[in-house]
């Protein structure tokens, strides 16, 4: 691939397209999971995830961080208005970790009927394989597509057919995210506190700290029972290895691949879609809900993720070996730990550093890159550097301090506050 020039970076910054998927639980006014049917049966922007109470709010593509966050806020407003008007009013839970869970049966699997019954059957399979408790974690999926005009220009300069160039561009980017995306876990983790009922059946009302900043990204979170080794050389190679996992019954379907990054086709996500239509955009799946932000994600975090992806896109790297792919998965799990000096990251070079040291190294590289290419973006990067150097700027540290005692009680107060802000 041709290296991305400084001018290309500025073009991409003006052309990128953003999309957000936010998961959140509907809860009762006493902080239990809702058992009522999904209140948005025909809304394409507000659907269900694993359980009937677990909303997934999907934005349409937008051309800026501000616009996509504004659209997410609009949909959240619609949800809260609807929940307030229900016969028994409900709230949205603002954390990635769930509130009270009484038992497995308290988590109602989302129900579809008729031709769509397969969606429920698949969730029943997940419940049996991974347990319903794990499925209660919520987060934000970040979708991003690079500017088509600039990608086409790069393909032309390289003398390459555009669809093939675009596919290779995104495949290489996905591999780089697999190698370096643990940094986003460190920077976006905001879930250090749980209710004890998440780890002890029925033990509600007692807060617990497990030494994790983001349980959903840790070894206790969304991971398969094996470490997948992916092939990023081409779309057919990438699809073939995932299909092998399906045929060997390690996966029920391609969507069961719990990996921090996905490449998404035009249209519905299927392996056939990737082969036939190629890659539309990239999806990052490691962002926690930020309870400190009324929308669940800060606009500067959205902007930084774009800068991070652009920085990765210009890196010149080779394909990872099997041992490196295994280590990068472990890096994601280690990055989810709370103590940044105790947990460690193994870089592609084989060198091991503390999470804090490794994060500082990568952030300094990113800062140096944008000093030369887009210095107006430096305040956004410095905001991330502060999270590493100053505990008072780190989301996980703030949340632990504010919600470490009385997590669900205080979380319920926050949910009520968000609902009241909606009614102002």
Protein backbone atom coordinates (compact mmCIF):
# COMPACT_ATOMS: atom_id res chain seq x y z
CA UNK A 1 0.00 0.00 0.00
CA UNK A 2 1.19 3.53 -0.71
CA UNK A 3 1.97 5.54 2.43
CA UNK A 4 -0.58 8.17 3.36
CA UNK A 5 0.84 11.65 2.90
CA UNK A 6 0.26 14.67 5.13
CA UNK A 7 -2.16 16.11 2.61
CA UNK A 8 -4.10 12.84 2.61
CA UNK A 9 -4.44 13.02 6.38
CA UNK A 10 -6.13 16.42 6.14
CA UNK A 11 -8.41 15.16 3.37
CA UNK A 12 -9.43 12.13 5.41
CA UNK A 13 -10.20 14.34 8.42
CA UNK A 14 -12.70 16.24 6.29
CA UNK A 15 -14.27 13.18 4.65
CA UNK A 16 -14.66 10.50 7.36
CA UNK A 17 -18.07 9.08 8.25
CA UNK A 18 -19.08 8.10 11.79
CA UNK A 19 -21.69 5.77 13.24
CA UNK A 20 -22.38 4.77 16.85
CA UNK A 21 -24.20 1.80 18.40
CA UNK A 22 -25.02 2.28 22.08
CA UNK A 23 -26.26 -0.57 24.28
CA UNK A 24 -28.15 0.12 27.51
CA UNK A 25 -30.52 -1.68 29.86
CA UNK A 26 -34.07 -0.58 30.56
CA UNK A 27 -34.54 -0.74 34.32
CA UNK A 28 -37.31 -0.31 36.85
CA UNK A 29 -37.40 2.53 39.35
CA UNK A 30 -35.86 0.21 41.94
CA UNK A 31 -32.88 -0.67 39.69
CA UNK A 32 -33.96 -4.12 38.50
CA UNK A 33 -33.86 -5.23 34.88
CA UNK A 34 -37.11 -4.51 33.09
CA UNK A 35 -39.33 -7.46 32.16
CA UNK A 36 -41.63 -5.57 29.81
CA UNK A 37 -41.65 -6.09 26.03
CA UNK A 38 -39.38 -4.00 23.83
CA UNK A 39 -41.19 -0.65 23.42
CA UNK A 40 -39.83 0.18 19.94
CA UNK A 41 -40.90 -2.82 17.81
CA UNK A 42 -40.66 -1.10 14.42
CA UNK A 43 -37.90 1.46 14.93
CA UNK A 44 -34.71 0.72 12.94
CA UNK A 45 -32.68 3.02 15.19
CA UNK A 46 -33.77 1.39 18.48
CA UNK A 47 -33.53 -2.39 18.51
CA UNK A 48 -32.71 -5.16 20.99
CA UNK A 49 -29.43 -6.85 21.69
CA UNK A 50 -29.24 -10.04 23.77
CA UNK A 51 -32.06 -9.54 26.24
CA UNK A 52 -35.52 -8.05 25.87
CA UNK A 53 -34.59 -5.13 28.13
CA UNK A 54 -31.24 -4.42 26.43
CA UNK A 55 -31.68 -1.60 23.94
CA UNK A 56 -29.29 -0.96 21.10
CA UNK A 57 -29.47 2.55 19.68
CA UNK A 58 -28.03 2.83 16.17
CA UNK A 59 -27.26 6.13 14.52
CA UNK A 60 -27.24 6.77 10.80
CA UNK A 61 -23.83 7.68 9.32
CA UNK A 62 -22.74 11.26 10.01
CA UNK A 63 -19.89 13.38 8.73
CA UNK A 64 -18.47 14.67 12.01
CA UNK A 65 -18.04 13.68 15.68
CA UNK A 66 -20.39 16.48 16.70
CA UNK A 67 -23.12 15.38 14.30
CA UNK A 68 -23.04 11.70 15.24
CA UNK A 69 -23.07 12.51 18.96
CA UNK A 70 -25.97 14.92 18.42
CA UNK A 71 -27.94 12.22 16.61
CA UNK A 72 -27.21 9.73 19.42
CA UNK A 73 -28.45 12.31 21.94
CA UNK A 74 -31.63 12.70 19.86
CA UNK A 75 -32.37 8.98 19.93
CA UNK A 76 -31.58 8.78 23.65
CA UNK A 77 -34.06 11.61 24.20
CA UNK A 78 -36.73 9.68 22.30
CA UNK A 79 -36.04 6.57 24.38
CA UNK A 80 -36.22 8.36 27.70
CA UNK A 81 -39.42 10.15 26.71
CA UNK A 82 -41.03 6.83 25.78
CA UNK A 83 -39.88 5.11 28.96
CA UNK A 84 -41.23 7.96 31.10
CA UNK A 85 -44.64 7.61 29.46
CA UNK A 86 -44.98 3.86 30.04
CA UNK A 87 -47.69 2.57 32.35
CA UNK A 88 -44.95 1.71 34.81
CA UNK A 89 -42.21 4.25 34.03
CA UNK A 90 -38.71 2.94 33.36
CA UNK A 91 -35.19 4.37 33.13
CA UNK A 92 -32.02 3.80 31.14
CA UNK A 93 -29.08 2.40 33.08
CA UNK A 94 -26.01 4.61 32.38
CA UNK A 95 -23.20 2.09 33.05
CA UNK A 96 -21.61 -0.75 31.08
CA UNK A 97 -21.89 -3.03 34.14
CA UNK A 98 -25.50 -4.05 34.94
CA UNK A 99 -27.54 -3.11 38.02
CA UNK A 100 -29.18 -5.76 40.23
CA UNK A 101 -29.41 -9.29 38.80
CA UNK A 102 -31.46 -11.77 40.82
CA UNK A 103 -30.61 -14.93 38.85
CA UNK A 104 -30.31 -16.28 35.29
CA UNK A 105 -34.09 -16.17 34.81
CA UNK A 106 -34.05 -12.45 35.64
CA UNK A 107 -32.35 -11.89 32.28
CA UNK A 108 -35.08 -12.35 29.68
CA UNK A 109 -33.75 -13.38 26.27
CA UNK A 110 -35.07 -11.13 23.48
CA UNK A 111 -38.07 -12.73 21.80
CA UNK A 112 -38.82 -12.93 18.08
CA UNK A 113 -41.52 -14.98 16.44
CA UNK A 114 -42.43 -16.53 13.10
CA UNK A 115 -39.79 -16.06 10.43
CA UNK A 116 -37.58 -14.16 12.88
CA UNK A 117 -37.60 -16.92 15.51
CA UNK A 118 -34.01 -17.81 14.55
CA UNK A 119 -32.81 -14.61 16.29
CA UNK A 120 -34.14 -15.90 19.62
CA UNK A 121 -32.80 -19.40 18.96
CA UNK A 122 -29.33 -17.95 18.40
CA UNK A 123 -29.51 -16.04 21.68
CA UNK A 124 -30.59 -19.18 23.48
CA UNK A 125 -27.47 -20.83 22.10
CA UNK A 126 -25.33 -17.93 23.40
CA UNK A 127 -26.99 -18.16 26.81
CA UNK A 128 -26.16 -21.86 27.02
CA UNK A 129 -22.58 -21.44 25.78
CA UNK A 130 -21.51 -18.30 27.65
CA UNK A 131 -24.15 -17.79 30.35
CA UNK A 132 -26.68 -14.99 30.50
CA UNK A 133 -24.73 -12.95 33.03
CA UNK A 134 -21.90 -12.19 30.61
CA UNK A 135 -24.45 -10.95 28.08
CA UNK A 136 -25.56 -8.14 30.41
CA UNK A 137 -22.46 -6.05 29.73
CA UNK A 138 -23.16 -2.99 27.59
CA UNK A 139 -20.92 -0.72 25.57
CA UNK A 140 -20.55 1.40 22.45
CA UNK A 141 -19.52 0.18 19.02
CA UNK A 142 -17.72 2.78 16.95
CA UNK A 143 -18.15 2.57 13.17
CA UNK A 144 -15.94 4.53 10.82
CA UNK A 145 -15.47 4.76 7.07
CA UNK A 146 -12.67 6.68 5.36
CA UNK A 147 -13.38 9.27 2.71
CA UNK A 148 -14.15 7.59 -0.61
CA UNK A 149 -12.67 10.44 -2.67
CA UNK A 150 -9.27 10.20 -1.00
CA UNK A 151 -9.26 6.39 -1.06
CA UNK A 152 -10.02 6.46 -4.79
CA UNK A 153 -7.20 8.95 -5.31
CA UNK A 154 -4.75 6.68 -3.47
CA UNK A 155 -5.90 3.67 -5.49
CA UNK A 156 -5.38 5.61 -8.73
CA UNK A 157 -1.89 6.69 -7.66
CA UNK A 158 -1.09 3.06 -6.85
CA UNK A 159 -2.46 1.87 -10.19
CA UNK A 160 -4.83 -0.47 -8.35
CA UNK A 161 -8.46 -1.38 -8.95
CA UNK A 162 -10.45 0.59 -6.42
CA UNK A 163 -12.58 -2.13 -4.75
CA UNK A 164 -9.51 -4.33 -4.26
CA UNK A 165 -7.52 -1.38 -2.91
CA UNK A 166 -10.27 -0.43 -0.48
CA UNK A 167 -10.55 -4.00 0.81
CA UNK A 168 -6.82 -4.28 1.34
CA UNK A 169 -6.75 -0.87 3.03
CA UNK A 170 -9.38 -1.91 5.59
CA UNK A 171 -7.91 -5.37 6.12
CA UNK A 172 -4.51 -3.89 6.93
CA UNK A 173 -6.17 -1.35 9.20
CA UNK A 174 -8.10 -4.07 11.05
CA UNK A 175 -4.86 -5.95 11.70
CA UNK A 176 -3.26 -2.78 13.06
CA UNK A 177 -6.25 -2.20 15.34
CA UNK A 178 -5.83 -5.76 16.59
CA UNK A 179 -2.21 -4.92 17.37
CA UNK A 180 -2.66 -1.49 18.93
CA UNK A 181 -6.35 -1.16 19.82
CA UNK A 182 -5.72 -2.12 23.44
CA UNK A 183 -4.85 1.59 23.85
CA UNK A 184 -8.53 2.48 23.40
CA UNK A 185 -9.46 0.06 26.19
CA UNK A 186 -7.11 1.95 28.50
CA UNK A 187 -8.45 5.36 27.50
CA UNK A 188 -12.19 4.55 27.34
CA UNK A 189 -12.53 2.16 30.31
CA UNK A 190 -15.16 3.51 32.70
CA UNK A 191 -16.53 0.46 34.55
CA UNK A 192 -14.46 -0.35 37.64
CA UNK A 193 -17.42 -1.02 39.97
CA UNK A 194 -20.00 -3.81 39.86
CA UNK A 195 -22.92 -4.88 41.98
CA UNK A 196 -21.96 -8.10 43.70
CA UNK A 197 -24.96 -9.85 42.16
CA UNK A 198 -22.98 -9.97 38.89
CA UNK A 199 -20.55 -12.47 40.44
CA UNK A 200 -22.60 -13.96 43.31
CA UNK A 201 -26.12 -15.08 42.58
CA UNK A 202 -28.71 -12.88 44.30
CA UNK A 203 -26.18 -10.89 46.37
CA UNK A 204 -27.69 -7.52 45.52
CA UNK A 205 -26.92 -4.15 47.05
CA UNK A 206 -23.21 -4.56 47.71
CA UNK A 207 -20.63 -2.87 45.51
CA UNK A 208 -17.48 -4.68 44.48
CA UNK A 209 -14.17 -3.73 42.85
CA UNK A 210 -12.34 -6.55 41.09
CA UNK A 211 -9.20 -4.67 40.13
CA UNK A 212 -10.61 -4.09 36.64
CA UNK A 213 -11.31 -0.82 34.83
CA UNK A 214 -13.49 -2.56 32.22
CA UNK A 215 -14.74 -6.09 33.03
CA UNK A 216 -16.39 -6.43 29.61
CA UNK A 217 -12.97 -6.05 27.92
CA UNK A 218 -11.12 -8.17 30.49
CA UNK A 219 -10.69 -11.95 30.64
CA UNK A 220 -14.18 -12.07 32.21
CA UNK A 221 -15.81 -10.31 29.28
CA UNK A 222 -16.67 -10.90 25.64
CA UNK A 223 -14.21 -13.49 24.37
CA UNK A 224 -14.59 -16.84 22.65
CA UNK A 225 -13.47 -20.07 24.31
CA UNK A 226 -10.45 -20.13 21.98
CA UNK A 227 -8.05 -17.54 20.59
CA UNK A 228 -8.90 -16.94 16.93
CA UNK A 229 -6.03 -16.55 14.48
CA UNK A 230 -7.17 -14.46 11.52
CA UNK A 231 -5.74 -14.09 8.03
CA UNK A 232 -5.58 -10.50 6.83
CA UNK A 233 -3.95 -11.08 3.42
CA UNK A 234 -7.20 -10.85 1.44
CA UNK A 235 -10.98 -10.97 1.86
CA UNK A 236 -11.17 -14.63 0.69
CA UNK A 237 -8.41 -15.61 3.15
CA UNK A 238 -10.06 -13.68 5.99
CA UNK A 239 -13.46 -15.20 5.28
CA UNK A 240 -12.04 -18.71 4.85
CA UNK A 241 -10.50 -18.87 8.32
CA UNK A 242 -13.70 -17.68 10.00
CA UNK A 243 -15.69 -20.20 7.94
CA UNK A 244 -13.33 -22.92 9.16
CA UNK A 245 -14.16 -21.98 12.77
CA UNK A 246 -17.86 -22.22 11.94
CA UNK A 247 -17.50 -25.58 10.17
CA UNK A 248 -15.46 -26.98 13.06
CA UNK A 249 -18.21 -25.80 15.46
CA UNK A 250 -15.94 -23.48 17.39
CA UNK A 251 -18.40 -20.79 16.28
CA UNK A 252 -22.11 -21.07 15.61
CA UNK A 253 -21.92 -18.25 13.08
CA UNK A 254 -19.50 -15.52 11.99
CA UNK A 255 -21.17 -12.99 14.30
CA UNK A 256 -20.16 -15.13 17.28
CA UNK A 257 -16.56 -14.10 16.72
CA UNK A 258 -16.05 -11.90 19.78
CA UNK A 259 -13.14 -9.81 18.64
CA UNK A 260 -12.41 -6.12 19.36
CA UNK A 261 -12.50 -5.13 15.69
CA UNK A 262 -14.68 -6.16 12.75
CA UNK A 263 -14.63 -5.29 9.08
CA UNK A 264 -18.16 -4.70 7.87
CA UNK A 265 -19.58 -5.12 4.35
CA UNK A 266 -22.09 -2.96 2.55
CA UNK A 267 -25.42 -4.15 3.89
CA UNK A 268 -26.01 -6.91 6.44
CA UNK A 269 -22.95 -8.44 8.14
CA UNK A 270 -22.33 -11.88 6.63
CA UNK A 271 -19.29 -13.64 5.26
CA UNK A 272 -21.03 -13.81 1.90
CA UNK A 273 -21.53 -10.05 2.02
CA UNK A 274 -17.82 -9.50 2.59
CA UNK A 275 -16.92 -11.70 -0.36
CA UNK A 276 -19.48 -10.28 -2.75
CA UNK A 277 -19.63 -6.62 -1.78
CA UNK A 278 -16.32 -5.88 -0.10
CA UNK A 279 -15.62 -3.78 2.95
CA UNK A 280 -17.69 -0.70 3.73
CA UNK A 281 -16.24 0.35 7.09
CA UNK A 282 -14.50 -0.75 10.25
CA UNK A 283 -16.17 -1.38 13.61
CA UNK A 284 -14.44 -1.01 16.99
CA UNK A 285 -16.13 -2.81 19.87
CA UNK A 286 -14.11 -1.89 22.97
CA UNK A 287 -15.59 1.45 24.13
CA UNK A 288 -17.33 1.53 27.53
CA UNK A 289 -20.40 3.62 28.27
CA UNK A 290 -19.12 6.79 29.90
CA UNK A 291 -21.50 7.59 32.80
CA UNK A 292 -19.77 10.94 33.26
CA UNK A 293 -21.13 12.11 29.90
CA UNK A 294 -24.90 12.66 29.43
CA UNK A 295 -24.80 10.92 26.04
CA UNK A 296 -22.44 8.14 27.11
CA UNK A 297 -19.47 9.22 25.00
CA UNK A 298 -17.45 12.44 24.91
CA UNK A 299 -17.11 14.21 21.57
CA UNK A 300 -13.33 14.45 21.99
CA UNK A 301 -13.16 10.68 22.47
CA UNK A 302 -14.98 10.24 19.16
CA UNK A 303 -12.55 12.64 17.53
CA UNK A 304 -9.54 10.88 19.07
CA UNK A 305 -10.62 7.47 17.79
CA UNK A 306 -10.68 8.93 14.28
CA UNK A 307 -7.18 10.36 14.80
CA UNK A 308 -6.03 6.99 16.13
CA UNK A 309 -7.37 5.17 13.07
CA UNK A 310 -5.72 7.65 10.72
CA UNK A 311 -2.43 7.26 12.56
CA UNK A 312 -2.70 3.49 12.26
CA UNK A 313 -3.53 3.75 8.57
CA UNK A 314 -0.19 5.43 7.80
CA UNK A 315 1.91 2.93 9.78
CA UNK A 316 4.00 0.62 7.64
CA UNK A 317 3.76 -2.82 9.24
CA UNK A 318 3.85 -6.44 8.16
CA UNK A 319 1.38 -9.20 8.96
CA UNK A 320 1.42 -10.52 12.52
CA UNK A 321 2.68 -13.99 13.28
CA UNK A 322 0.47 -16.46 15.15
CA UNK A 323 2.26 -15.83 18.45
CA UNK A 324 1.82 -12.07 18.00
CA UNK A 325 -1.90 -12.44 17.36
CA UNK A 326 -2.24 -14.51 20.53
CA UNK A 327 -0.33 -11.89 22.49
CA UNK A 328 -2.38 -8.98 21.15
CA UNK A 329 -5.57 -10.62 22.45
CA UNK A 330 -3.93 -10.89 25.85
CA UNK A 331 -2.92 -7.24 25.60
CA UNK A 332 -6.59 -6.24 25.32
CA UNK A 333 -7.41 -8.21 28.46
CA UNK A 334 -4.44 -6.76 30.35
CA UNK A 335 -5.36 -3.22 29.27
CA UNK A 336 -8.73 -3.67 31.00
CA UNK A 337 -7.06 -3.93 34.42
CA UNK A 338 -7.28 -0.97 36.75
CA UNK A 339 -3.65 -0.75 37.90
CA UNK A 340 -1.80 0.60 34.88
CA UNK A 341 1.59 0.04 36.52
CA UNK A 342 0.98 -3.59 37.48
CA UNK A 343 -0.59 -4.91 34.25
CA UNK A 344 1.69 -5.26 31.24
CA UNK A 345 1.62 -4.98 27.47
CA UNK A 346 3.86 -6.96 25.12
CA UNK A 347 4.61 -4.88 22.04
CA UNK A 348 5.04 -6.37 18.57
CA UNK A 349 8.80 -6.07 19.06
CA UNK A 350 8.53 -8.52 21.94
CA UNK A 351 9.35 -5.91 24.55
CA UNK A 352 7.13 -5.88 27.65
CA UNK A 353 6.14 -2.64 29.37
CA UNK A 354 3.59 -1.62 31.95
CA UNK A 355 0.26 -0.52 30.52
CA UNK A 356 1.05 3.03 31.58
CA UNK A 357 4.47 3.02 29.90
CA UNK A 358 3.22 1.40 26.70
CA UNK A 359 0.24 3.76 26.51
CA UNK A 360 2.49 6.77 26.99
CA UNK A 361 4.81 5.55 24.26
CA UNK A 362 2.01 5.13 21.70
CA UNK A 363 0.36 8.44 22.62
CA UNK A 364 3.67 10.25 22.22
CA UNK A 365 4.06 8.74 18.75
CA UNK A 366 0.58 9.91 17.85
CA UNK A 367 1.29 13.39 19.24
CA UNK A 368 4.50 13.68 17.23
CA UNK A 369 2.71 12.57 14.07
CA UNK A 370 -0.01 15.21 14.37
CA UNK A 371 2.48 17.93 15.30
CA UNK A 372 3.60 17.62 11.67
CA UNK A 373 0.29 16.86 9.97
CA UNK A 374 -2.58 18.53 11.85
CA UNK A 375 -1.37 20.50 14.90
CA UNK A 376 -4.87 21.86 15.54
CA UNK A 377 -5.78 18.33 16.73
CA UNK A 378 -3.15 18.28 19.50
CA UNK A 379 -5.52 19.36 22.33
CA UNK A 380 -7.61 16.24 21.67
CA UNK A 381 -4.52 14.05 21.94
CA UNK A 382 -3.25 15.82 25.06
CA UNK A 383 -6.60 15.14 26.70
CA UNK A 384 -5.88 11.41 26.27
CA UNK A 385 -2.31 11.81 27.54
CA UNK A 386 -3.69 13.40 30.70
CA UNK A 387 -5.74 10.26 31.38
CA UNK A 388 -2.50 8.29 31.57
CA UNK A 389 -0.41 10.82 33.46
CA UNK A 390 -3.06 12.16 35.87
CA UNK A 391 -5.46 9.80 37.65
CA UNK A 392 -7.98 12.59 38.17
CA UNK A 393 -8.51 12.70 34.38
CA UNK A 394 -9.04 8.96 33.97
CA UNK A 395 -12.67 7.82 33.67
CA UNK A 396 -12.17 4.60 35.62
CA UNK A 397 -10.55 6.51 38.49
CA UNK A 398 -13.35 9.09 38.63
CA UNK A 399 -16.08 6.45 38.52
CA UNK A 400 -14.42 4.36 41.24
CA UNK A 401 -14.18 7.42 43.48
CA UNK A 402 -17.77 8.54 42.88
CA UNK A 403 -19.55 5.18 42.67
CA UNK A 404 -17.27 2.73 44.49
CA UNK A 405 -19.58 2.80 47.49
CA UNK A 406 -23.27 2.30 46.75
CA UNK A 407 -22.86 1.63 43.03
CA UNK A 408 -26.45 0.74 42.18
CA UNK A 409 -28.06 3.24 44.57
CA UNK A 410 -25.96 6.09 43.19
CA UNK A 411 -26.32 4.76 39.65
CA UNK A 412 -30.10 4.87 40.04
CA UNK A 413 -29.85 8.49 41.17
CA UNK A 414 -27.82 9.23 38.04
CA UNK A 415 -30.38 7.48 35.83
CA UNK A 416 -33.14 9.57 37.42
CA UNK A 417 -31.07 12.72 36.93
CA UNK A 418 -30.61 11.93 33.23
CA UNK A 419 -34.37 11.37 32.94
CA UNK A 420 -35.13 14.68 34.66
CA UNK A 421 -32.69 16.50 32.41
CA UNK A 422 -34.64 15.08 29.50
CA UNK A 423 -37.87 16.61 30.83
CA UNK A 424 -36.42 20.09 31.34
